[in-house]
Structure formats: structure tokens, C-alpha cells
Amino acid sequence: MGKWKRSQAYADYIGFILTLNEGVKGKKLTFEYRVSEAIEKLVALLNTLDRWIDETPPVDQPSR
């Protein structure tokens, strides 16, 4: 865990989380917002992929 916390990837990840945090400070949980068509399509795609994962079991085969 220590190696991860000292990595550039960890620093980038934490920076991303902190940026998201700053973006929602002061906003109400019931804040009304408009979702763009591109985001709606992305969410639909992710939902489809998630459904496919659930519908497609892993192949039962010997593993090393």
C-alpha cells in the first residue's frame, strides 16, 4: 500500500477526487441540473455493458 501511495497514479487519482469534491461544495443534494445528450448516451452504454457482464458468465475452464 505504501508504494501505491507514493506513486504518480495515486497522486493523480487523489487530485481527481479532490477536484470533484471542490466542484460540489456548496451544492444541495437536490440540486437540479441538466444532463447532456452525450452523457445520457454514455450512461446508457455503461448500463448495456453492465447488463452484458451479468448475462455472460465466465467460461468454465481450468486455470493455472
PDB file of N, CA and C in Angstrom:
ATOM      1  N   MET A   1       0.822  -1.189   0.000  1.00  0.00           N
ATOM      2  CA  MET A   1       0.000   0.000   0.000  1.00  0.00           C
ATOM      3  C   MET A   1       0.869   1.257   0.000  1.00  0.00           C
ATOM      4  N   GLY A   2       1.992   1.188   0.668  1.00  0.00           N
ATOM      5  CA  GLY A   2       2.882   2.340   0.719  1.00  0.00           C
ATOM      6  C   GLY A   2       3.399   2.729  -0.653  1.00  0.00           C
ATOM      7  N   LYS A   3       3.739   1.737  -1.462  1.00  0.00           N
ATOM      8  CA  LYS A   3       4.245   2.003  -2.812  1.00  0.00           C
ATOM      9  C   LYS A   3       3.171   2.701  -3.647  1.00  0.00           C
ATOM     10  N   TRP A   4       1.947   2.243  -3.518  1.00  0.00           N
ATOM     11  CA  TRP A   4       0.819   2.865  -4.232  1.00  0.00           C
ATOM     12  C   TRP A   4       0.658   4.319  -3.815  1.00  0.00           C
ATOM     13  N   LYS A   5       0.714   4.586  -2.513  1.00  0.00           N
ATOM     14  CA  LYS A   5       0.518   5.952  -2.027  1.00  0.00           C
ATOM     15  C   LYS A   5       1.641   6.896  -2.448  1.00  0.00           C
ATOM     16  N   ARG A   6       2.788   6.359  -2.810  1.00  0.00           N
ATOM     17  CA  ARG A   6       3.907   7.188  -3.262  1.00  0.00           C
ATOM     18  C   ARG A   6       3.955   7.313  -4.786  1.00  0.00           C
ATOM     19  N   SER A   7       3.031   6.666  -5.480  1.00  0.00           N
ATOM     20  CA  SER A   7       3.074   6.648  -6.944  1.00  0.00           C
ATOM     21  C   SER A   7       2.416   7.892  -7.550  1.00  0.00           C
ATOM     22  N   GLN A   8       2.799   8.174  -8.784  1.00  0.00           N
ATOM     23  CA  GLN A   8       2.193   9.284  -9.522  1.00  0.00           C
ATOM     24  C   GLN A   8       0.717   8.998  -9.796  1.00  0.00           C
ATOM     25  N   ALA A   9       0.387   7.738 -10.043  1.00  0.00           N
ATOM     26  CA  ALA A   9      -1.011   7.364 -10.292  1.00  0.00           C
ATOM     27  C   ALA A   9      -1.883   7.708  -9.085  1.00  0.00           C
ATOM     28  N   TYR A  10      -1.372   7.442  -7.891  1.00  0.00           N
ATOM     29  CA  TYR A  10      -2.118   7.761  -6.668  1.00  0.00           C
ATOM     30  C   TYR A  10      -2.307   9.270  -6.554  1.00  0.00           C
ATOM     31  N   ALA A  11      -1.243  10.024  -6.812  1.00  0.00           N
ATOM     32  CA  ALA A  11      -1.329  11.485  -6.735  1.00  0.00           C
ATOM     33  C   ALA A  11      -2.357  12.008  -7.737  1.00  0.00           C
ATOM     34  N   ASP A  12      -2.351  11.458  -8.951  1.00  0.00           N
ATOM     35  CA  ASP A  12      -3.327  11.867  -9.963  1.00  0.00           C
ATOM     36  C   ASP A  12      -4.744  11.509  -9.535  1.00  0.00           C
ATOM     37  N   TYR A  13      -4.917  10.325  -8.974  1.00  0.00           N
ATOM     38  CA  TYR A  13      -6.235   9.866  -8.523  1.00  0.00           C
ATOM     39  C   TYR A  13      -6.767  10.765  -7.405  1.00  0.00           C
ATOM     40  N   ILE A  14      -5.931  11.033  -6.425  1.00  0.00           N
ATOM     41  CA  ILE A  14      -6.348  11.891  -5.313  1.00  0.00           C
ATOM     42  C   ILE A  14      -6.657  13.296  -5.819  1.00  0.00           C
ATOM     43  N   GLY A  15      -5.852  13.795  -6.749  1.00  0.00           N
ATOM     44  CA  GLY A  15      -6.120  15.105  -7.339  1.00  0.00           C
ATOM     45  C   GLY A  15      -7.472  15.141  -8.030  1.00  0.00           C
ATOM     46  N   PHE A  16      -7.799  14.070  -8.732  1.00  0.00           N
ATOM     47  CA  PHE A  16      -9.092  13.965  -9.406  1.00  0.00           C
ATOM     48  C   PHE A  16     -10.233  13.988  -8.395  1.00  0.00           C
ATOM     49  N   ILE A  17     -10.104  13.202  -7.331  1.00  0.00           N
ATOM     50  CA  ILE A  17     -11.139  13.151  -6.292  1.00  0.00           C
ATOM     51  C   ILE A  17     -11.307  14.517  -5.631  1.00  0.00           C
ATOM     52  N   LEU A  18     -10.204  15.178  -5.330  1.00  0.00           N
ATOM     53  CA  LEU A  18     -10.277  16.496  -4.695  1.00  0.00           C
ATOM     54  C   LEU A  18     -10.913  17.525  -5.633  1.00  0.00           C
ATOM     55  N   THR A  19     -10.640  17.429  -6.923  1.00  0.00           N
ATOM     56  CA  THR A  19     -11.261  18.330  -7.894  1.00  0.00           C
ATOM     57  C   THR A  19     -12.769  18.099  -7.941  1.00  0.00           C
ATOM     58  N   LEU A  20     -13.187  16.838  -7.934  1.00  0.00           N
ATOM     59  CA  LEU A  20     -14.620  16.537  -7.880  1.00  0.00           C
ATOM     60  C   LEU A  20     -15.241  17.114  -6.616  1.00  0.00           C
ATOM     61  N   ASN A  21     -14.545  16.962  -5.501  1.00  0.00           N
ATOM     62  CA  ASN A  21     -15.024  17.472  -4.224  1.00  0.00           C
ATOM     63  C   ASN A  21     -15.246  18.983  -4.291  1.00  0.00           C
ATOM     64  N   GLU A  22     -14.280  19.698  -4.861  1.00  0.00           N
ATOM     65  CA  GLU A  22     -14.405  21.152  -4.968  1.00  0.00           C
ATOM     66  C   GLU A  22     -15.593  21.539  -5.847  1.00  0.00           C
ATOM     67  N   GLY A  23     -15.867  20.726  -6.849  1.00  0.00           N
ATOM     68  CA  GLY A  23     -16.951  21.022  -7.775  1.00  0.00           C
ATOM     69  C   GLY A  23     -18.338  20.914  -7.175  1.00  0.00           C
ATOM     70  N   VAL A  24     -18.483  20.188  -6.083  1.00  0.00           N
ATOM     71  CA  VAL A  24     -19.809  20.009  -5.485  1.00  0.00           C
ATOM     72  C   VAL A  24     -19.969  20.724  -4.149  1.00  0.00           C
ATOM     73  N   LYS A  25     -18.915  21.337  -3.666  1.00  0.00           N
ATOM     74  CA  LYS A  25     -19.032  22.069  -2.398  1.00  0.00           C
ATOM     75  C   LYS A  25     -20.083  23.164  -2.533  1.00  0.00           C
ATOM     76  N   GLY A  26     -20.940  23.255  -1.525  1.00  0.00           N
ATOM     77  CA  GLY A  26     -21.966  24.282  -1.507  1.00  0.00           C
ATOM     78  C   GLY A  26     -23.209  23.947  -2.323  1.00  0.00           C
ATOM     79  N   LYS A  27     -23.216  22.826  -2.993  1.00  0.00           N
ATOM     80  CA  LYS A  27     -24.379  22.424  -3.785  1.00  0.00           C
ATOM     81  C   LYS A  27     -25.317  21.585  -2.914  1.00  0.00           C
ATOM     82  N   LYS A  28     -26.603  21.790  -3.105  1.00  0.00           N
ATOM     83  CA  LYS A  28     -27.586  20.992  -2.386  1.00  0.00           C
ATOM     84  C   LYS A  28     -27.665  19.608  -3.011  1.00  0.00           C
ATOM     85  N   LEU A  29     -28.022  18.629  -2.216  1.00  0.00           N
ATOM     86  CA  LEU A  29     -28.172  17.273  -2.740  1.00  0.00           C
ATOM     87  C   LEU A  29     -29.317  17.181  -3.740  1.00  0.00           C
ATOM     88  N   THR A  30     -30.270  18.089  -3.643  1.00  0.00           N
ATOM     89  CA  THR A  30     -31.418  18.088  -4.544  1.00  0.00           C
ATOM     90  C   THR A  30     -31.218  19.065  -5.699  1.00  0.00           C
ATOM     91  N   PHE A  31     -29.997  19.526  -5.911  1.00  0.00           N
ATOM     92  CA  PHE A  31     -29.674  20.495  -6.958  1.00  0.00           C
ATOM     93  C   PHE A  31     -30.151  19.986  -8.316  1.00  0.00           C
ATOM     94  N   GLU A  32     -30.897  20.817  -9.032  1.00  0.00           N
ATOM     95  CA  GLU A  32     -31.386  20.462 -10.367  1.00  0.00           C
ATOM     96  C   GLU A  32     -30.287  20.750 -11.383  1.00  0.00           C
ATOM     97  N   TYR A  33     -30.074  19.853 -12.295  1.00  0.00           N
ATOM     98  CA  TYR A  33     -29.070  20.064 -13.327  1.00  0.00           C
ATOM     99  C   TYR A  33     -29.509  19.381 -14.611  1.00  0.00           C
ATOM    100  N   ARG A  34     -28.975  19.851 -15.703  1.00  0.00           N
ATOM    101  CA  ARG A  34     -29.290  19.272 -16.999  1.00  0.00           C
ATOM    102  C   ARG A  34     -28.165  18.321 -17.388  1.00  0.00           C
ATOM    103  N   VAL A  35     -28.547  17.142 -17.801  1.00  0.00           N
ATOM    104  CA  VAL A  35     -27.580  16.148 -18.260  1.00  0.00           C
ATOM    105  C   VAL A  35     -27.537  16.228 -19.779  1.00  0.00           C
ATOM    106  N   SER A  36     -26.342  16.375 -20.319  1.00  0.00           N
ATOM    107  CA  SER A  36     -26.209  16.494 -21.773  1.00  0.00           C
ATOM    108  C   SER A  36     -26.563  15.175 -22.462  1.00  0.00           C
ATOM    109  N   GLU A  37     -26.878  15.283 -23.737  1.00  0.00           N
ATOM    110  CA  GLU A  37     -27.211  14.092 -24.518  1.00  0.00           C
ATOM    111  C   GLU A  37     -26.025  13.126 -24.569  1.00  0.00           C
ATOM    112  N   ALA A  38     -24.816  13.668 -24.660  1.00  0.00           N
ATOM    113  CA  ALA A  38     -23.620  12.813 -24.705  1.00  0.00           C
ATOM    114  C   ALA A  38     -23.491  11.994 -23.427  1.00  0.00           C
ATOM    115  N   ILE A  39     -23.762  12.610 -22.282  1.00  0.00           N
ATOM    116  CA  ILE A  39     -23.677  11.896 -21.003  1.00  0.00           C
ATOM    117  C   ILE A  39     -24.791  10.866 -20.904  1.00  0.00           C
ATOM    118  N   GLU A  40     -25.986  11.210 -21.362  1.00  0.00           N
ATOM    119  CA  GLU A  40     -27.083  10.239 -21.352  1.00  0.00           C
ATOM    120  C   GLU A  40     -26.720   9.012 -22.175  1.00  0.00           C
ATOM    121  N   LYS A  41     -26.093   9.221 -23.337  1.00  0.00           N
ATOM    122  CA  LYS A  41     -25.685   8.101 -24.188  1.00  0.00           C
ATOM    123  C   LYS A  41     -24.579   7.287 -23.533  1.00  0.00           C
ATOM    124  N   LEU A  42     -23.657   7.966 -22.868  1.00  0.00           N
ATOM    125  CA  LEU A  42     -22.579   7.263 -22.174  1.00  0.00           C
ATOM    126  C   LEU A  42     -23.133   6.399 -21.051  1.00  0.00           C
ATOM    127  N   VAL A  43     -24.068   6.938 -20.276  1.00  0.00           N
ATOM    128  CA  VAL A  43     -24.681   6.175 -19.189  1.00  0.00           C
ATOM    129  C   VAL A  43     -25.444   4.976 -19.754  1.00  0.00           C
ATOM    130  N   ALA A  44     -26.148   5.172 -20.850  1.00  0.00           N
ATOM    131  CA  ALA A  44     -26.872   4.059 -21.478  1.00  0.00           C
ATOM    132  C   ALA A  44     -25.898   2.977 -21.931  1.00  0.00           C
ATOM    133  N   LEU A  45     -24.778   3.380 -22.519  1.00  0.00           N
ATOM    134  CA  LEU A  45     -23.764   2.417 -22.948  1.00  0.00           C
ATOM    135  C   LEU A  45     -23.206   1.645 -21.758  1.00  0.00           C
ATOM    136  N   LEU A  46     -22.886   2.351 -20.684  1.00  0.00           N
ATOM    137  CA  LEU A  46     -22.358   1.685 -19.489  1.00  0.00           C
ATOM    138  C   LEU A  46     -23.383   0.720 -18.901  1.00  0.00           C
ATOM    139  N   ASN A  47     -24.651   1.109 -18.903  1.00  0.00           N
ATOM    140  CA  ASN A  47     -25.698   0.211 -18.412  1.00  0.00           C
ATOM    141  C   ASN A  47     -25.804  -1.039 -19.282  1.00  0.00           C
ATOM    142  N   THR A  48     -25.692  -0.866 -20.598  1.00  0.00           N
ATOM    143  CA  THR A  48     -25.719  -2.018 -21.507  1.00  0.00           C
ATOM    144  C   THR A  48     -24.545  -2.946 -21.243  1.00  0.00           C
ATOM    145  N   LEU A  49     -23.351  -2.384 -21.113  1.00  0.00           N
ATOM    146  CA  LEU A  49     -22.169  -3.197 -20.828  1.00  0.00           C
ATOM    147  C   LEU A  49     -22.313  -3.936 -19.502  1.00  0.00           C
ATOM    148  N   ASP A  50     -22.868  -3.256 -18.508  1.00  0.00           N
ATOM    149  CA  ASP A  50     -23.077  -3.883 -17.202  1.00  0.00           C
ATOM    150  C   ASP A  50     -24.048  -5.058 -17.320  1.00  0.00           C
ATOM    151  N   ARG A  51     -25.112  -4.871 -18.105  1.00  0.00           N
ATOM    152  CA  ARG A  51     -26.076  -5.948 -18.314  1.00  0.00           C
ATOM    153  C   ARG A  51     -25.422  -7.128 -19.031  1.00  0.00           C
ATOM    154  N   TRP A  52     -24.602  -6.844 -20.039  1.00  0.00           N
ATOM    155  CA  TRP A  52     -23.906  -7.913 -20.766  1.00  0.00           C
ATOM    156  C   TRP A  52     -22.988  -8.696 -19.842  1.00  0.00           C
ATOM    157  N   ILE A  53     -22.329  -8.004 -18.950  1.00  0.00           N
ATOM    158  CA  ILE A  53     -21.451  -8.688 -17.984  1.00  0.00           C
ATOM    159  C   ILE A  53     -22.266  -9.649 -17.135  1.00  0.00           C
ATOM    160  N   ASP A  54     -23.430  -9.183 -16.671  1.00  0.00           N
ATOM    161  CA  ASP A  54     -24.292 -10.045 -15.849  1.00  0.00           C
ATOM    162  C   ASP A  54     -24.833 -11.232 -16.642  1.00  0.00           C
ATOM    163  N   GLU A  55     -25.098 -11.027 -17.941  1.00  0.00           N
ATOM    164  CA  GLU A  55     -25.687 -12.074 -18.775  1.00  0.00           C
ATOM    165  C   GLU A  55     -24.657 -13.060 -19.323  1.00  0.00           C
ATOM    166  N   THR A  56     -23.397 -12.729 -19.252  1.00  0.00           N
ATOM    167  CA  THR A  56     -22.352 -13.566 -19.848  1.00  0.00           C
ATOM    168  C   THR A  56     -21.454 -14.127 -18.758  1.00  0.00           C
ATOM    169  N   PRO A  57     -21.737 -15.360 -18.325  1.00  0.00           N
ATOM    170  CA  PRO A  57     -20.902 -15.937 -17.265  1.00  0.00           C
ATOM    171  C   PRO A  57     -19.504 -16.259 -17.793  1.00  0.00           C
ATOM    172  N   PRO A  58     -18.531 -16.300 -16.912  1.00  0.00           N
ATOM    173  CA  PRO A  58     -17.181 -16.659 -17.352  1.00  0.00           C
ATOM    174  C   PRO A  58     -17.149 -18.098 -17.862  1.00  0.00           C
ATOM    175  N   VAL A  59     -16.245 -18.362 -18.770  1.00  0.00           N
ATOM    176  CA  VAL A  59     -16.074 -19.707 -19.313  1.00  0.00           C
ATOM    177  C   VAL A  59     -15.484 -20.585 -18.221  1.00  0.00           C
ATOM    178  N   ASP A  60     -16.121 -21.745 -18.021  1.00  0.00           N
ATOM    179  CA  ASP A  60     -15.620 -22.677 -17.008  1.00  0.00           C
ATOM    180  C   ASP A  60     -14.472 -23.473 -17.620  1.00  0.00           C
ATOM    181  N   GLN A  61     -13.269 -23.116 -17.231  1.00  0.00           N
ATOM    182  CA  GLN A  61     -12.089 -23.790 -17.767  1.00  0.00           C
ATOM    183  C   GLN A  61     -11.025 -23.864 -16.684  1.00  0.00           C
ATOM    184  N   PRO A  62     -10.142 -24.820 -16.819  1.00  0.00           N
ATOM    185  CA  PRO A  62      -9.082 -24.914 -15.819  1.00  0.00           C
ATOM    186  C   PRO A  62      -8.179 -23.683 -15.887  1.00  0.00           C
ATOM    187  N   SER A  63      -7.727 -23.271 -14.741  1.00  0.00           N
ATOM    188  CA  SER A  63      -6.814 -22.132 -14.703  1.00  0.00           C
ATOM    189  C   SER A  63      -5.534 -22.531 -13.992  1.00  0.00           C
ATOM    190  N   ARG A  64      -4.527 -21.780 -14.233  1.00  0.00           N
ATOM    191  CA  ARG A  64      -3.226 -22.101 -13.641  1.00  0.00           C
ATOM    192  C   ARG A  64      -3.135 -21.633 -12.221  1.00  0.00           C
TER     193      ARG A  64
END
